[in-house]
Protein backbone atom coordinates (compact mmCIF):
# COMPACT_ATOMS: atom_id res chain seq x y z
CA UNK A 1 0.00 0.00 -0.01
CA UNK A 2 1.23 3.52 -0.80
CA UNK A 3 -0.14 7.05 -1.06
CA UNK A 4 0.49 9.39 -3.98
CA UNK A 5 -0.29 13.09 -3.46
CA UNK A 6 -0.60 14.95 -6.77
CA UNK A 7 -0.68 18.75 -6.63
CA UNK A 8 -2.90 19.84 -9.53
CA UNK A 9 -3.69 23.12 -11.24
CA UNK A 10 -7.47 22.90 -11.52
CA UNK A 11 -10.63 20.89 -11.21
CA UNK A 12 -10.13 19.24 -14.62
CA UNK A 13 -6.85 17.64 -13.58
CA UNK A 14 -8.31 16.77 -10.20
CA UNK A 15 -11.29 15.02 -11.79
CA UNK A 16 -9.10 13.08 -14.22
CA UNK A 17 -6.84 11.81 -11.44
CA UNK A 18 -9.77 10.93 -9.20
CA UNK A 19 -11.95 9.21 -11.80
CA UNK A 20 -9.41 7.60 -14.12
CA UNK A 21 -6.01 7.24 -12.49
CA UNK A 22 -7.10 6.58 -8.91
CA UNK A 23 -9.73 4.07 -9.99
CA UNK A 24 -7.12 2.07 -11.90
CA UNK A 25 -4.44 2.13 -9.19
CA UNK A 26 -6.55 1.43 -6.11
CA UNK A 27 -6.75 -2.24 -7.07
CA UNK A 28 -2.96 -2.36 -6.75
CA UNK A 29 -2.90 -0.76 -3.33
CA UNK A 30 -1.90 2.72 -4.57
CA UNK A 31 -4.09 5.52 -3.28
CA UNK A 32 -4.05 8.74 -5.33
CA UNK A 33 -4.99 12.05 -3.68
CA UNK A 34 -5.40 14.98 -6.10
CA UNK A 35 -4.98 18.29 -4.27
CA UNK A 36 -5.59 21.72 -5.81
CA UNK A 37 -2.58 24.03 -5.54
CA UNK A 38 -2.68 27.04 -3.23
CA UNK A 39 -4.43 28.25 -0.12
CA UNK A 40 -7.98 27.20 0.77
CA UNK A 41 -10.50 29.49 -0.88
CA UNK A 42 -8.04 30.40 -3.66
CA UNK A 43 -7.72 27.05 -5.35
CA UNK A 44 -7.21 26.29 -9.02
CA UNK A 45 -5.69 28.12 -11.95
CA UNK A 46 -2.07 28.89 -12.75
CA UNK A 47 -0.01 29.83 -9.72
CA UNK A 48 3.53 30.91 -9.15
CA UNK A 49 6.13 28.27 -8.32
CA UNK A 50 6.24 29.42 -4.68
CA UNK A 51 2.65 28.24 -4.13
CA UNK A 52 3.30 24.92 -5.82
CA UNK A 53 6.56 24.45 -3.90
CA UNK A 54 4.87 25.12 -0.56
CA UNK A 55 2.27 22.44 -1.22
CA UNK A 56 4.85 19.90 -2.41
CA UNK A 57 7.10 20.53 0.60
CA UNK A 58 4.13 20.26 2.97
CA UNK A 59 3.33 16.76 1.68
CA UNK A 60 7.00 15.73 1.77
CA UNK A 61 7.27 16.79 5.43
CA UNK A 62 4.18 14.87 6.55
CA UNK A 63 4.63 12.27 9.24
CA UNK A 64 5.25 9.13 7.26
CA UNK A 65 3.31 6.05 8.21
CA UNK A 66 4.70 2.58 7.62
CA UNK A 67 3.83 2.70 3.91
CA UNK A 68 5.48 4.89 1.23
CA UNK A 69 4.25 8.38 0.39
CA UNK A 70 4.97 9.97 -3.00
CA UNK A 71 4.38 13.53 -4.27
CA UNK A 72 3.92 14.64 -7.88
CA UNK A 73 2.40 17.51 -9.88
CA UNK A 74 0.04 17.78 -12.84
CA UNK A 75 -0.30 21.07 -14.76
CA UNK A 76 -1.25 21.86 -18.34
């Protein structure tokens, strides 16, 4: 079992990851979490690298359980 956090630009990418990618990987014990970039209330759309970096670093610094945690991004 492992968790993959994907920082995404908007609701389109979030929907694709949730409906297509996550559905295919859950059978293999990989749980995909699509998270919109930025602060709550100001989610979605193109952001500066600083916002993206903050979200990526936040997930990398999470307390790690006994299973692997991975972080990625998806922007168009």
